[in-house]
Amino acid sequence: MESQRATDRSEGDRLAAQLSVLPGVVRSDVIVRRPARDPLAPREPVAPSTASIVVIVDDQADRAATVEATRRLAGAAVPGIEPAIVVEVGAVRPAMAKLGPFTVEASSKGPLKIVLALVLALLAVAAGGIAWRTRPIKRADLD
């Protein structure tokens, strides 16, 4: 019984990790339950395997495509299962902006430009100070 629960937990974690890489998915939780068969019990009809899947997506994700991909992944991970899937919007995708080689949130582009300019100015002042201190000094003969 415990080994069956551990296997179900492992399958659920693996499926949740696969679902988390789908486009627009913020988080996913999966609970898999397969009925444990008692080898000593008389043959009785076995309840079907079930899975409960909750997928949290951002506001721009295609929910229908997410449900279809979730259904296919669940069917491949646990054959013969009909999962109960809930897809909810739980996050807002931020607007992104390019700043040189970096991609940052649009709201942080201005402050980041200021910080980068200050760091560049500080490096220029430090380089000038080092150059000034290491310059050759001409000595005037006092004779």
C-alpha atoms as a PDB file:
ATOM      1  CA  MET A   1       0.000   0.000   0.000  1.00  0.00           C
ATOM      2  CA  GLU A   2       2.773   2.428   0.926  1.00  0.00           C
ATOM      3  CA  SER A   3       4.740   1.604  -2.212  1.00  0.00           C
ATOM      4  CA  GLN A   4       1.631   2.340  -4.318  1.00  0.00           C
ATOM      5  CA  ARG A   5       1.213   5.708  -2.611  1.00  0.00           C
ATOM      6  CA  ALA A   6       4.887   6.514  -3.162  1.00  0.00           C
ATOM      7  CA  THR A   7       4.557   5.571  -6.839  1.00  0.00           C
ATOM      8  CA  ASP A   8       1.439   7.745  -7.201  1.00  0.00           C
ATOM      9  CA  ARG A   9       3.211  10.659  -5.509  1.00  0.00           C
ATOM     10  CA  SER A  10       6.215  10.206  -7.778  1.00  0.00           C
ATOM     11  CA  GLU A  11       4.029  10.090 -10.903  1.00  0.00           C
ATOM     12  CA  GLY A  12       2.191  13.219  -9.744  1.00  0.00           C
ATOM     13  CA  ASP A  13       5.428  15.119  -9.127  1.00  0.00           C
ATOM     14  CA  ARG A  14       6.831  14.080 -12.494  1.00  0.00           C
ATOM     15  CA  LEU A  15       3.646  15.140 -14.301  1.00  0.00           C
ATOM     16  CA  ALA A  16       3.593  18.471 -12.432  1.00  0.00           C
ATOM     17  CA  ALA A  17       7.184  19.128 -13.515  1.00  0.00           C
ATOM     18  CA  GLN A  18       6.271  18.413 -17.141  1.00  0.00           C
ATOM     19  CA  LEU A  19       3.220  20.667 -16.969  1.00  0.00           C
ATOM     20  CA  SER A  20       5.231  23.520 -15.454  1.00  0.00           C
ATOM     21  CA  VAL A  21       7.230  23.965 -18.670  1.00  0.00           C
ATOM     22  CA  LEU A  22       4.161  24.485 -20.874  1.00  0.00           C
ATOM     23  CA  PRO A  23       3.873  28.016 -22.301  1.00  0.00           C
ATOM     24  CA  GLY A  24       2.183  30.394 -19.887  1.00  0.00           C
ATOM     25  CA  VAL A  25       2.074  27.963 -16.953  1.00  0.00           C
ATOM     26  CA  VAL A  26       3.069  29.545 -13.652  1.00  0.00           C
ATOM     27  CA  ARG A  27       2.536  26.528 -11.410  1.00  0.00           C
ATOM     28  CA  SER A  28       0.889  23.125 -11.432  1.00  0.00           C
ATOM     29  CA  ASP A  29      -0.189  20.606  -8.805  1.00  0.00           C
ATOM     30  CA  VAL A  30      -1.082  16.983  -9.554  1.00  0.00           C
ATOM     31  CA  ILE A  31      -2.550  14.256  -7.379  1.00  0.00           C
ATOM     32  CA  VAL A  32      -2.624  10.763  -8.879  1.00  0.00           C
ATOM     33  CA  ARG A  33      -4.558   7.948  -7.265  1.00  0.00           C
ATOM     34  CA  ARG A  34      -4.503   4.425  -8.526  1.00  0.00           C
ATOM     35  CA  PRO A  35      -6.424   1.867  -6.495  1.00  0.00           C
ATOM     36  CA  ALA A  36      -4.237  -0.540  -4.595  1.00  0.00           C
ATOM     37  CA  ARG A  37      -5.088  -4.158  -5.244  1.00  0.00           C
ATOM     38  CA  ASP A  38      -4.975  -6.583  -2.380  1.00  0.00           C
ATOM     39  CA  PRO A  39      -3.534  -9.843  -3.714  1.00  0.00           C
ATOM     40  CA  LEU A  40      -5.381 -11.849  -1.041  1.00  0.00           C
ATOM     41  CA  ALA A  41      -8.792 -10.288  -1.606  1.00  0.00           C
ATOM     42  CA  PRO A  42     -11.283 -11.978  -3.925  1.00  0.00           C
ATOM     43  CA  ARG A  43     -11.500 -10.582  -7.430  1.00  0.00           C
ATOM     44  CA  GLU A  44     -13.665  -7.522  -7.323  1.00  0.00           C
ATOM     45  CA  PRO A  45     -14.056  -4.702  -9.806  1.00  0.00           C
ATOM     46  CA  VAL A  46     -11.175  -2.278  -9.495  1.00  0.00           C
ATOM     47  CA  ALA A  47     -12.008   1.410  -9.308  1.00  0.00           C
ATOM     48  CA  PRO A  48     -10.547   3.444 -12.162  1.00  0.00           C
ATOM     49  CA  SER A  49      -7.371   5.461 -11.706  1.00  0.00           C
ATOM     50  CA  THR A  50      -7.964   9.157 -11.143  1.00  0.00           C
ATOM     51  CA  ALA A  51      -5.939  12.330 -11.271  1.00  0.00           C
ATOM     52  CA  SER A  52      -6.722  15.827 -10.090  1.00  0.00           C
ATOM     53  CA  ILE A  53      -4.719  18.487 -11.882  1.00  0.00           C
ATOM     54  CA  VAL A  54      -4.641  22.203 -11.112  1.00  0.00           C
ATOM     55  CA  VAL A  55      -2.747  24.409 -13.550  1.00  0.00           C
ATOM     56  CA  ILE A  56      -2.180  28.091 -12.788  1.00  0.00           C
ATOM     57  CA  VAL A  57      -1.488  30.145 -15.929  1.00  0.00           C
ATOM     58  CA  ASP A  58      -0.751  33.778 -16.664  1.00  0.00           C
ATOM     59  CA  ASP A  59      -3.300  36.134 -18.194  1.00  0.00           C
ATOM     60  CA  GLN A  60      -2.058  35.738 -21.786  1.00  0.00           C
ATOM     61  CA  ALA A  61      -1.925  31.924 -21.914  1.00  0.00           C
ATOM     62  CA  ASP A  62      -4.177  29.936 -24.243  1.00  0.00           C
ATOM     63  CA  ARG A  63      -6.339  28.052 -21.749  1.00  0.00           C
ATOM     64  CA  ALA A  64      -7.858  25.638 -24.301  1.00  0.00           C
ATOM     65  CA  ALA A  65      -4.418  24.622 -25.583  1.00  0.00           C
ATOM     66  CA  THR A  66      -3.211  24.219 -21.998  1.00  0.00           C
ATOM     67  CA  VAL A  67      -6.136  21.910 -21.169  1.00  0.00           C
ATOM     68  CA  GLU A  68      -5.502  19.806 -24.295  1.00  0.00           C
ATOM     69  CA  ALA A  69      -1.758  19.539 -23.625  1.00  0.00           C
ATOM     70  CA  THR A  70      -2.459  18.658 -19.987  1.00  0.00           C
ATOM     71  CA  ARG A  71      -4.886  15.918 -21.029  1.00  0.00           C
ATOM     72  CA  ARG A  72      -2.341  14.441 -23.466  1.00  0.00           C
ATOM     73  CA  LEU A  73       0.522  14.562 -20.933  1.00  0.00           C
ATOM     74  CA  ALA A  74      -1.644  13.001 -18.206  1.00  0.00           C
ATOM     75  CA  GLY A  75      -2.736  10.215 -20.554  1.00  0.00           C
ATOM     76  CA  ALA A  76       0.864   9.485 -21.500  1.00  0.00           C
ATOM     77  CA  ALA A  77       2.135   9.597 -17.912  1.00  0.00           C
ATOM     78  CA  VAL A  78      -0.610   7.412 -16.434  1.00  0.00           C
ATOM     79  CA  PRO A  79      -2.282   5.254 -19.110  1.00  0.00           C
ATOM     80  CA  GLY A  80      -6.025   4.699 -18.799  1.00  0.00           C
ATOM     81  CA  ILE A  81      -6.649   7.763 -16.682  1.00  0.00           C
ATOM     82  CA  GLU A  82      -9.322  10.410 -17.113  1.00  0.00           C
ATOM     83  CA  PRO A  83      -8.028  13.466 -15.251  1.00  0.00           C
ATOM     84  CA  ALA A  84     -10.061  16.240 -13.681  1.00  0.00           C
ATOM     85  CA  ILE A  85      -8.337  19.399 -14.942  1.00  0.00           C
ATOM     86  CA  VAL A  86      -8.766  22.907 -13.576  1.00  0.00           C
ATOM     87  CA  VAL A  87      -6.997  25.785 -15.323  1.00  0.00           C
ATOM     88  CA  GLU A  88      -7.047  29.122 -13.510  1.00  0.00           C
ATOM     89  CA  VAL A  89      -5.489  32.495 -14.209  1.00  0.00           C
ATOM     90  CA  GLY A  90      -3.239  33.355 -11.308  1.00  0.00           C
ATOM     91  CA  ALA A  91      -0.620  35.765 -12.600  1.00  0.00           C
ATOM     92  CA  VAL A  92      -0.227  38.735 -14.894  1.00  0.00           C
ATOM     93  CA  ARG A  93       2.508  38.528 -17.515  1.00  0.00           C
ATOM     94  CA  PRO A  94       4.644  41.688 -17.207  1.00  0.00           C
ATOM     95  CA  ALA A  95       5.478  43.861 -20.207  1.00  0.00           C
ATOM     96  CA  MET A  96       9.106  43.320 -21.206  1.00  0.00           C
ATOM     97  CA  ALA A  97      11.628  45.758 -22.723  1.00  0.00           C
ATOM     98  CA  LYS A  98      15.120  45.379 -24.196  1.00  0.00           C
ATOM     99  CA  LEU A  99      18.017  47.234 -22.624  1.00  0.00           C
ATOM    100  CA  GLY A 100      21.132  46.370 -24.574  1.00  0.00           C
ATOM    101  CA  PRO A 101      21.637  42.616 -24.314  1.00  0.00           C
ATOM    102  CA  PHE A 102      19.210  42.370 -21.366  1.00  0.00           C
ATOM    103  CA  THR A 103      15.460  41.794 -21.326  1.00  0.00           C
ATOM    104  CA  VAL A 104      13.858  43.465 -18.310  1.00  0.00           C
ATOM    105  CA  GLU A 105      10.405  44.493 -17.151  1.00  0.00           C
ATOM    106  CA  ALA A 106       9.352  47.717 -18.845  1.00  0.00           C
ATOM    107  CA  SER A 107       8.770  49.421 -15.493  1.00  0.00           C
ATOM    108  CA  SER A 108      12.382  48.837 -14.400  1.00  0.00           C
ATOM    109  CA  LYS A 109      14.048  49.984 -17.635  1.00  0.00           C
ATOM    110  CA  GLY A 110      14.429  53.656 -16.561  1.00  0.00           C
ATOM    111  CA  PRO A 111      15.885  53.012 -13.089  1.00  0.00           C
ATOM    112  CA  LEU A 112      18.210  50.355 -14.520  1.00  0.00           C
ATOM    113  CA  LYS A 113      19.534  52.836 -17.103  1.00  0.00           C
ATOM    114  CA  ILE A 114      20.334  55.286 -14.286  1.00  0.00           C
ATOM    115  CA  VAL A 115      22.095  52.629 -12.215  1.00  0.00           C
ATOM    116  CA  LEU A 116      24.147  51.440 -15.196  1.00  0.00           C
ATOM    117  CA  ALA A 117      25.138  55.042 -16.030  1.00  0.00           C
ATOM    118  CA  LEU A 118      26.211  55.645 -12.416  1.00  0.00           C
ATOM    119  CA  VAL A 119      28.282  52.447 -12.380  1.00  0.00           C
ATOM    120  CA  LEU A 120      29.943  53.434 -15.663  1.00  0.00           C
ATOM    121  CA  ALA A 121      30.729  56.909 -14.298  1.00  0.00           C
ATOM    122  CA  LEU A 122      32.151  55.401 -11.083  1.00  0.00           C
ATOM    123  CA  LEU A 123      34.370  53.064 -13.123  1.00  0.00           C
ATOM    124  CA  ALA A 124      35.595  56.001 -15.223  1.00  0.00           C
ATOM    125  CA  VAL A 125      36.450  58.013 -12.076  1.00  0.00           C
ATOM    126  CA  ALA A 126      38.241  54.999 -10.542  1.00  0.00           C
ATOM    127  CA  ALA A 127      40.240  54.417 -13.745  1.00  0.00           C
ATOM    128  CA  GLY A 128      41.171  58.128 -13.880  1.00  0.00           C
ATOM    129  CA  GLY A 129      42.273  58.049 -10.241  1.00  0.00           C
ATOM    130  CA  ILE A 130      44.465  55.010 -10.833  1.00  0.00           C
ATOM    131  CA  ALA A 131      45.981  56.608 -13.930  1.00  0.00           C
ATOM    132  CA  TRP A 132      46.693  59.831 -12.005  1.00  0.00           C
ATOM    133  CA  ARG A 133      48.408  58.000  -9.134  1.00  0.00           C
ATOM    134  CA  THR A 134      50.614  55.883 -11.395  1.00  0.00           C
ATOM    135  CA  ARG A 135      51.753  58.650 -13.780  1.00  0.00           C
ATOM    136  CA  PRO A 136      55.496  59.234 -14.038  1.00  0.00           C
ATOM    137  CA  ILE A 137      56.669  62.191 -11.933  1.00  0.00           C
ATOM    138  CA  LYS A 138      59.339  64.506 -13.342  1.00  0.00           C
ATOM    139  CA  ARG A 139      61.747  65.758 -10.711  1.00  0.00           C
ATOM    140  CA  ALA A 140      63.283  69.143 -11.100  1.00  0.00           C
ATOM    141  CA  ASP A 141      66.983  69.319 -10.240  1.00  0.00           C
ATOM    142  CA  LEU A 142      67.490  71.548  -7.244  1.00  0.00           C
ATOM    143  CA  ASP A 143      71.212  72.095  -7.978  1.00  0.00           C
END
